[in-house]
Amino acid sequence: MEYGFIFDMDGVVIDSNPYHKIAWEKFLTKQGVPYDDQLFDNLLSGRTGPTSLRLLFGDGLPQEQLNIYLEEVDRNYQTILRQTEDVRPITGVHAFLDQITGNGQRLALATSAPTLNIELGLQKLKLENVFEHIVGKVDVTHGKPHPEVYLTTLERLGMAAENCVVFEDSKAGIQSARSAGIQVVGVASGHSKEELLEEGVSLAVDDFSNLDPDRVLSLIR
C-alpha cells in the first residue's frame, strides 16, 4: 500500500519560528502594534500573511495597503534567513525524510508560505529536491485554517485522505488538515504536546529524532 506523508514547512521542516517572530515584531513595532509571543503563537503562526494582517488590522484594510504590509513582513523574514548561517532544521527531519523515501512512500509539502520563503528555506536545509509536490500560498485562494491547501495536496498526490498523514505545528494548520479529513502528527515546536493533543492531533512529538515511519503509519492503517 502506498501512503502519503505531507509536511507543513515552518516549525515542522525548518525551525523558522524564531525568524518569523523577529520579522513580525519588527513590522508590528513600526506600526505601533503591541507584540508578544502569545500574539504570534495564537494569531499569526500557521496562517497566510493576508489572513494574519486582516486579523490584526480588520477586514477593511485596503488591498493595496495589505500588499505593502505583506511585502515588508516577507522582506524582513527573507533578509533574516539570507543573513543566518546556521538555519536549523527541526531535529531529526533529514533522517526521517530519508526513511520515508527509502520505504517507497510519497512526500509532499503543504505550506502557507510564499514561493521565495519556500525556496530559501529548502535551499538553506539542502532539501530542494526531496518533495514530490509543493503546495504554497500561490496555489490556493484560502489560507489555513481553511482546508484548501491540504485538499489541493491530496489532489496533486492523487491520494485519498485516509491514506495520508500530515505533520503540523500550528493550531490553524491542524484545523486545516483535520477539516480535510487527514490524520495529524503534531510537532511541538511552537506549542506544547498537550496543547497539540487538545487540538485533535493523533500523536504529538517534540521532533523527529525518535520517530519511526511505521509508528506514524499505524495511525492510519
C-alpha atoms as a PDB file:
ATOM      1  CA  MET A   1       0.000   0.000   0.000  1.00  0.00           C
ATOM      2  CA  GLU A   2       1.234   3.461  -0.912  1.00  0.00           C
ATOM      3  CA  TYR A   3       0.978   6.200   1.713  1.00  0.00           C
ATOM      4  CA  GLY A   4       1.473   9.953   1.614  1.00  0.00           C
ATOM      5  CA  PHE A   5       3.442  11.936   4.187  1.00  0.00           C
ATOM      6  CA  ILE A   6       2.519  15.618   3.987  1.00  0.00           C
ATOM      7  CA  PHE A   7       4.614  18.205   5.813  1.00  0.00           C
ATOM      8  CA  ASP A   8       3.922  21.770   6.748  1.00  0.00           C
ATOM      9  CA  MET A   9       7.145  23.773   6.401  1.00  0.00           C
ATOM     10  CA  ASP A  10       7.621  26.384   9.104  1.00  0.00           C
ATOM     11  CA  GLY A  11       8.111  24.815  12.510  1.00  0.00           C
ATOM     12  CA  VAL A  12       7.913  21.313  11.026  1.00  0.00           C
ATOM     13  CA  VAL A  13      10.753  21.074   8.496  1.00  0.00           C
ATOM     14  CA  ILE A  14      12.625  24.309   9.215  1.00  0.00           C
ATOM     15  CA  ASP A  15      12.988  25.809  12.682  1.00  0.00           C
ATOM     16  CA  SER A  16      11.865  29.170  11.342  1.00  0.00           C
ATOM     17  CA  ASN A  17       9.631  30.410  14.150  1.00  0.00           C
ATOM     18  CA  PRO A  18      12.442  32.484  15.740  1.00  0.00           C
ATOM     19  CA  TYR A  19      12.985  34.271  12.408  1.00  0.00           C
ATOM     20  CA  HIS A  20       9.281  34.820  11.755  1.00  0.00           C
ATOM     21  CA  LYS A  21       8.854  36.239  15.249  1.00  0.00           C
ATOM     22  CA  ILE A  22      11.642  38.754  14.646  1.00  0.00           C
ATOM     23  CA  ALA A  23      10.193  39.681  11.242  1.00  0.00           C
ATOM     24  CA  TRP A  24       6.683  40.242  12.630  1.00  0.00           C
ATOM     25  CA  GLU A  25       7.914  42.045  15.749  1.00  0.00           C
ATOM     26  CA  LYS A  26       9.969  44.443  13.633  1.00  0.00           C
ATOM     27  CA  PHE A  27       6.991  45.142  11.374  1.00  0.00           C
ATOM     28  CA  LEU A  28       4.359  45.491  14.126  1.00  0.00           C
ATOM     29  CA  THR A  29       6.565  47.671  16.322  1.00  0.00           C
ATOM     30  CA  LYS A  30       6.972  50.007  13.365  1.00  0.00           C
ATOM     31  CA  GLN A  31       3.151  50.084  13.055  1.00  0.00           C
ATOM     32  CA  GLY A  32       2.710  50.777  16.778  1.00  0.00           C
ATOM     33  CA  VAL A  33       1.037  47.413  17.434  1.00  0.00           C
ATOM     34  CA  PRO A  34       1.980  45.735  20.762  1.00  0.00           C
ATOM     35  CA  TYR A  35       3.729  42.412  20.140  1.00  0.00           C
ATOM     36  CA  ASP A  36       4.460  39.344  22.249  1.00  0.00           C
ATOM     37  CA  ASP A  37       4.996  35.627  21.650  1.00  0.00           C
ATOM     38  CA  GLN A  38       1.372  34.849  22.539  1.00  0.00           C
ATOM     39  CA  LEU A  39       0.192  37.068  19.685  1.00  0.00           C
ATOM     40  CA  PHE A  40       2.471  35.191  17.298  1.00  0.00           C
ATOM     41  CA  ASP A  41       1.537  31.704  18.546  1.00  0.00           C
ATOM     42  CA  ASN A  42      -2.226  32.255  18.625  1.00  0.00           C
ATOM     43  CA  LEU A  43      -2.862  34.707  15.791  1.00  0.00           C
ATOM     44  CA  LEU A  44      -0.008  34.605  13.284  1.00  0.00           C
ATOM     45  CA  SER A  45       1.567  31.139  13.333  1.00  0.00           C
ATOM     46  CA  GLY A  46       0.344  28.808  10.583  1.00  0.00           C
ATOM     47  CA  ARG A  47      -1.769  31.392   8.776  1.00  0.00           C
ATOM     48  CA  THR A  48      -1.091  33.146   5.498  1.00  0.00           C
ATOM     49  CA  GLY A  49       0.209  36.685   5.668  1.00  0.00           C
ATOM     50  CA  PRO A  50      -3.011  38.219   4.263  1.00  0.00           C
ATOM     51  CA  THR A  51      -5.129  36.325   6.804  1.00  0.00           C
ATOM     52  CA  SER A  52      -2.876  37.445   9.653  1.00  0.00           C
ATOM     53  CA  LEU A  53      -2.910  41.077   8.511  1.00  0.00           C
ATOM     54  CA  ARG A  54      -6.706  41.171   8.243  1.00  0.00           C
ATOM     55  CA  LEU A  55      -6.997  39.658  11.719  1.00  0.00           C
ATOM     56  CA  LEU A  56      -4.678  42.383  13.009  1.00  0.00           C
ATOM     57  CA  PHE A  57      -5.965  45.394  11.067  1.00  0.00           C
ATOM     58  CA  GLY A  58      -9.504  44.366  10.197  1.00  0.00           C
ATOM     59  CA  ASP A  59     -11.294  43.323   7.017  1.00  0.00           C
ATOM     60  CA  GLY A  60     -11.450  46.968   5.947  1.00  0.00           C
ATOM     61  CA  LEU A  61      -7.705  47.075   5.308  1.00  0.00           C
ATOM     62  CA  PRO A  62      -7.367  48.164   1.652  1.00  0.00           C
ATOM     63  CA  GLN A  63      -5.804  45.560  -0.620  1.00  0.00           C
ATOM     64  CA  GLU A  64      -3.069  47.958  -1.714  1.00  0.00           C
ATOM     65  CA  GLN A  65      -2.034  48.635   1.885  1.00  0.00           C
ATOM     66  CA  LEU A  66      -2.233  44.930   2.723  1.00  0.00           C
ATOM     67  CA  ASN A  67       0.175  44.171  -0.122  1.00  0.00           C
ATOM     68  CA  ILE A  68       2.623  46.813   1.134  1.00  0.00           C
ATOM     69  CA  TYR A  69       2.498  45.375   4.658  1.00  0.00           C
ATOM     70  CA  LEU A  70       2.855  41.835   3.381  1.00  0.00           C
ATOM     71  CA  GLU A  71       5.896  42.679   1.286  1.00  0.00           C
ATOM     72  CA  GLU A  72       7.528  44.290   4.322  1.00  0.00           C
ATOM     73  CA  VAL A  73       6.972  41.264   6.572  1.00  0.00           C
ATOM     74  CA  ASP A  74       8.218  38.852   3.899  1.00  0.00           C
ATOM     75  CA  ARG A  75      11.216  41.065   3.167  1.00  0.00           C
ATOM     76  CA  ASN A  76      12.104  41.130   6.866  1.00  0.00           C
ATOM     77  CA  TYR A  77      11.961  37.325   7.041  1.00  0.00           C
ATOM     78  CA  GLN A  78      13.885  36.759   3.817  1.00  0.00           C
ATOM     79  CA  THR A  79      16.641  39.137   4.913  1.00  0.00           C
ATOM     80  CA  ILE A  80      16.999  37.340   8.237  1.00  0.00           C
ATOM     81  CA  LEU A  81      17.095  33.937   6.520  1.00  0.00           C
ATOM     82  CA  ARG A  82      19.720  35.039   3.996  1.00  0.00           C
ATOM     83  CA  GLN A  83      21.921  36.501   6.731  1.00  0.00           C
ATOM     84  CA  THR A  84      21.688  33.478   9.035  1.00  0.00           C
ATOM     85  CA  GLU A  85      24.486  30.974   8.509  1.00  0.00           C
ATOM     86  CA  ASP A  86      23.152  28.154  10.668  1.00  0.00           C
ATOM     87  CA  VAL A  87      19.487  27.877   9.673  1.00  0.00           C
ATOM     88  CA  ARG A  88      18.319  24.855  11.623  1.00  0.00           C
ATOM     89  CA  PRO A  89      16.013  22.032  10.620  1.00  0.00           C
ATOM     90  CA  ILE A  90      13.610  20.550  13.122  1.00  0.00           C
ATOM     91  CA  THR A  91      15.711  17.904  14.853  1.00  0.00           C
ATOM     92  CA  GLY A  92      15.801  14.576  13.017  1.00  0.00           C
ATOM     93  CA  VAL A  93      13.812  15.680   9.977  1.00  0.00           C
ATOM     94  CA  HIS A  94      16.510  14.788   7.397  1.00  0.00           C
ATOM     95  CA  ALA A  95      16.839  11.208   8.629  1.00  0.00           C
ATOM     96  CA  PHE A  96      13.057  10.853   8.900  1.00  0.00           C
ATOM     97  CA  LEU A  97      12.541  12.047   5.322  1.00  0.00           C
ATOM     98  CA  ASP A  98      15.228   9.595   4.165  1.00  0.00           C
ATOM     99  CA  GLN A  99      13.393   6.739   5.898  1.00  0.00           C
ATOM    100  CA  ILE A 100      10.112   7.661   4.208  1.00  0.00           C
ATOM    101  CA  THR A 101      11.585   7.781   0.713  1.00  0.00           C
ATOM    102  CA  GLY A 102      13.635   4.663   1.438  1.00  0.00           C
ATOM    103  CA  ASN A 103      10.385   2.851   2.184  1.00  0.00           C
ATOM    104  CA  GLY A 104       8.977   3.949  -1.177  1.00  0.00           C
ATOM    105  CA  GLN A 105       6.353   6.287   0.271  1.00  0.00           C
ATOM    106  CA  ARG A 106       5.262   9.673  -1.094  1.00  0.00           C
ATOM    107  CA  LEU A 107       6.328  13.103   0.181  1.00  0.00           C
ATOM    108  CA  ALA A 108       4.630  16.481  -0.197  1.00  0.00           C
ATOM    109  CA  LEU A 109       4.979  19.931   1.324  1.00  0.00           C
ATOM    110  CA  ALA A 110       1.847  21.968   2.129  1.00  0.00           C
ATOM    111  CA  THR A 111       2.518  25.435   3.478  1.00  0.00           C
ATOM    112  CA  SER A 112       1.079  28.922   3.763  1.00  0.00           C
ATOM    113  CA  ALA A 113       4.441  30.395   2.774  1.00  0.00           C
ATOM    114  CA  PRO A 114       5.128  32.401  -0.390  1.00  0.00           C
ATOM    115  CA  THR A 115       7.369  30.913  -3.065  1.00  0.00           C
ATOM    116  CA  LEU A 116      10.594  32.744  -2.166  1.00  0.00           C
ATOM    117  CA  ASN A 117      10.284  31.788   1.508  1.00  0.00           C
ATOM    118  CA  ILE A 118       9.878  28.147   0.478  1.00  0.00           C
ATOM    119  CA  GLU A 119      12.824  28.251  -1.897  1.00  0.00           C
ATOM    120  CA  LEU A 120      15.138  29.958   0.601  1.00  0.00           C
ATOM    121  CA  GLY A 121      14.205  27.572   3.393  1.00  0.00           C
ATOM    122  CA  LEU A 122      14.685  24.433   1.339  1.00  0.00           C
ATOM    123  CA  GLN A 123      17.970  25.724  -0.083  1.00  0.00           C
ATOM    124  CA  LYS A 124      19.320  26.504   3.376  1.00  0.00           C
ATOM    125  CA  LEU A 125      18.475  22.959   4.505  1.00  0.00           C
ATOM    126  CA  LYS A 126      19.600  21.306   1.244  1.00  0.00           C
ATOM    127  CA  LEU A 127      16.140  19.799   0.715  1.00  0.00           C
ATOM    128  CA  GLU A 128      15.392  21.341  -2.694  1.00  0.00           C
ATOM    129  CA  ASN A 129      14.611  18.080  -4.499  1.00  0.00           C
ATOM    130  CA  VAL A 130      13.093  15.997  -1.722  1.00  0.00           C
ATOM    131  CA  PHE A 131       9.361  16.730  -2.006  1.00  0.00           C
ATOM    132  CA  GLU A 132       7.395  15.327  -4.923  1.00  0.00           C
ATOM    133  CA  HIS A 133       4.801  18.108  -4.688  1.00  0.00           C
ATOM    134  CA  ILE A 134       4.950  21.541  -3.058  1.00  0.00           C
ATOM    135  CA  VAL A 135       1.730  23.463  -2.453  1.00  0.00           C
ATOM    136  CA  GLY A 136       2.186  27.016  -1.189  1.00  0.00           C
ATOM    137  CA  LYS A 137       0.445  30.325  -0.848  1.00  0.00           C
ATOM    138  CA  VAL A 138       0.329  30.931  -4.610  1.00  0.00           C
ATOM    139  CA  ASP A 139      -1.569  27.677  -5.184  1.00  0.00           C
ATOM    140  CA  VAL A 140      -4.613  28.393  -3.031  1.00  0.00           C
ATOM    141  CA  THR A 141      -7.249  31.047  -2.525  1.00  0.00           C
ATOM    142  CA  HIS A 142      -7.950  30.346   1.140  1.00  0.00           C
ATOM    143  CA  GLY A 143      -5.202  30.033   3.737  1.00  0.00           C
ATOM    144  CA  LYS A 144      -5.142  27.823   6.802  1.00  0.00           C
ATOM    145  CA  PRO A 145      -7.261  27.037   8.821  1.00  0.00           C
ATOM    146  CA  HIS A 146      -9.297  26.550   5.609  1.00  0.00           C
ATOM    147  CA  PRO A 147      -8.623  23.000   4.302  1.00  0.00           C
ATOM    148  CA  GLU A 148      -7.854  24.083   0.711  1.00  0.00           C
ATOM    149  CA  VAL A 149      -4.070  23.676   0.953  1.00  0.00           C
ATOM    150  CA  TYR A 150      -4.414  20.060   2.093  1.00  0.00           C
ATOM    151  CA  LEU A 151      -7.235  19.229  -0.299  1.00  0.00           C
ATOM    152  CA  THR A 152      -5.070  20.583  -3.125  1.00  0.00           C
ATOM    153  CA  THR A 153      -2.133  18.482  -1.941  1.00  0.00           C
ATOM    154  CA  LEU A 154      -4.274  15.331  -1.880  1.00  0.00           C
ATOM    155  CA  GLU A 155      -5.420  16.106  -5.423  1.00  0.00           C
ATOM    156  CA  ARG A 156      -1.846  16.513  -6.675  1.00  0.00           C
ATOM    157  CA  LEU A 157      -0.739  13.332  -4.963  1.00  0.00           C
ATOM    158  CA  GLY A 158      -3.777  11.549  -6.367  1.00  0.00           C
ATOM    159  CA  MET A 159      -4.367  10.003  -2.966  1.00  0.00           C
ATOM    160  CA  ALA A 160      -7.246   9.653  -0.520  1.00  0.00           C
ATOM    161  CA  ALA A 161      -7.157  11.429   2.839  1.00  0.00           C
ATOM    162  CA  GLU A 162      -7.277   8.135   4.734  1.00  0.00           C
ATOM    163  CA  ASN A 163      -4.001   7.055   3.128  1.00  0.00           C
ATOM    164  CA  CYS A 164      -2.112  10.180   4.180  1.00  0.00           C
ATOM    165  CA  VAL A 165      -0.813  11.782   7.341  1.00  0.00           C
ATOM    166  CA  VAL A 166       0.048  15.427   7.979  1.00  0.00           C
ATOM    167  CA  PHE A 167       2.782  16.887  10.171  1.00  0.00           C
ATOM    168  CA  GLU A 168       1.806  20.261  11.655  1.00  0.00           C
ATOM    169  CA  ASP A 169       2.904  22.569  14.464  1.00  0.00           C
ATOM    170  CA  SER A 170       0.220  25.272  14.488  1.00  0.00           C
ATOM    171  CA  LYS A 171      -3.390  25.308  15.591  1.00  0.00           C
ATOM    172  CA  ALA A 172      -4.526  26.760  12.262  1.00  0.00           C
ATOM    173  CA  GLY A 173      -2.614  24.064  10.378  1.00  0.00           C
ATOM    174  CA  ILE A 174      -4.057  21.269  12.499  1.00  0.00           C
ATOM    175  CA  GLN A 175      -7.570  22.598  11.892  1.00  0.00           C
ATOM    176  CA  SER A 176      -6.836  22.788   8.169  1.00  0.00           C
ATOM    177  CA  ALA A 177      -5.615  19.193   7.918  1.00  0.00           C
ATOM    178  CA  ARG A 178      -8.366  17.747  10.092  1.00  0.00           C
ATOM    179  CA  SER A 179     -11.006  19.601   8.077  1.00  0.00           C
ATOM    180  CA  ALA A 180      -9.540  17.893   5.001  1.00  0.00           C
ATOM    181  CA  GLY A 181     -10.064  14.551   6.738  1.00  0.00           C
ATOM    182  CA  ILE A 182      -6.376  13.766   7.307  1.00  0.00           C
ATOM    183  CA  GLN A 183      -4.820  12.414  10.499  1.00  0.00           C
ATOM    184  CA  VAL A 184      -2.272  14.771  12.051  1.00  0.00           C
ATOM    185  CA  VAL A 185       1.000  14.331  13.907  1.00  0.00           C
ATOM    186  CA  GLY A 186       1.678  17.445  15.966  1.00  0.00           C
ATOM    187  CA  VAL A 187       5.242  18.746  16.219  1.00  0.00           C
ATOM    188  CA  ALA A 188       5.782  20.700  19.439  1.00  0.00           C
ATOM    189  CA  SER A 189       7.990  23.470  18.069  1.00  0.00           C
ATOM    190  CA  GLY A 190       5.584  26.275  18.929  1.00  0.00           C
ATOM    191  CA  HIS A 191       3.013  24.707  21.252  1.00  0.00           C
ATOM    192  CA  SER A 192       3.277  22.069  23.962  1.00  0.00           C
ATOM    193  CA  LYS A 193       2.359  18.482  23.168  1.00  0.00           C
ATOM    194  CA  GLU A 194      -0.622  18.855  25.485  1.00  0.00           C
ATOM    195  CA  GLU A 195      -1.901  21.848  23.522  1.00  0.00           C
ATOM    196  CA  LEU A 196      -1.488  19.959  20.246  1.00  0.00           C
ATOM    197  CA  LEU A 197      -3.406  16.963  21.597  1.00  0.00           C
ATOM    198  CA  GLU A 198      -6.196  19.301  22.685  1.00  0.00           C
ATOM    199  CA  GLU A 199      -6.394  20.489  19.053  1.00  0.00           C
ATOM    200  CA  GLY A 200      -7.064  16.921  17.941  1.00  0.00           C
ATOM    201  CA  VAL A 201      -3.745  15.527  16.692  1.00  0.00           C
ATOM    202  CA  SER A 202      -3.457  11.744  16.735  1.00  0.00           C
ATOM    203  CA  LEU A 203       0.127  11.870  18.013  1.00  0.00           C
ATOM    204  CA  ALA A 204       2.287  14.667  19.450  1.00  0.00           C
ATOM    205  CA  VAL A 205       6.099  14.624  19.292  1.00  0.00           C
ATOM    206  CA  ASP A 206       8.873  17.001  20.281  1.00  0.00           C
ATOM    207  CA  ASP A 207      10.691  16.426  16.986  1.00  0.00           C
ATOM    208  CA  PHE A 208      11.588  13.626  14.550  1.00  0.00           C
ATOM    209  CA  SER A 209      14.624  12.235  16.383  1.00  0.00           C
ATOM    210  CA  ASN A 210      12.898   9.134  17.735  1.00  0.00           C
ATOM    211  CA  LEU A 211      10.019   8.860  15.288  1.00  0.00           C
ATOM    212  CA  ASP A 212       9.670   5.860  13.008  1.00  0.00           C
ATOM    213  CA  PRO A 213       7.529   5.972   9.824  1.00  0.00           C
ATOM    214  CA  ASP A 214       5.896   2.678  10.787  1.00  0.00           C
ATOM    215  CA  ARG A 215       4.732   4.204  14.056  1.00  0.00           C
ATOM    216  CA  VAL A 216       3.143   7.028  12.082  1.00  0.00           C
ATOM    217  CA  LEU A 217       1.524   4.647   9.612  1.00  0.00           C
ATOM    218  CA  SER A 218      -0.023   2.702  12.485  1.00  0.00           C
ATOM    219  CA  LEU A 219      -2.312   5.711  12.918  1.00  0.00           C
ATOM    220  CA  ILE A 220      -3.916   5.199   9.514  1.00  0.00           C
ATOM    221  CA  ARG A 221      -3.525   1.518   8.703  1.00  0.00           C
END
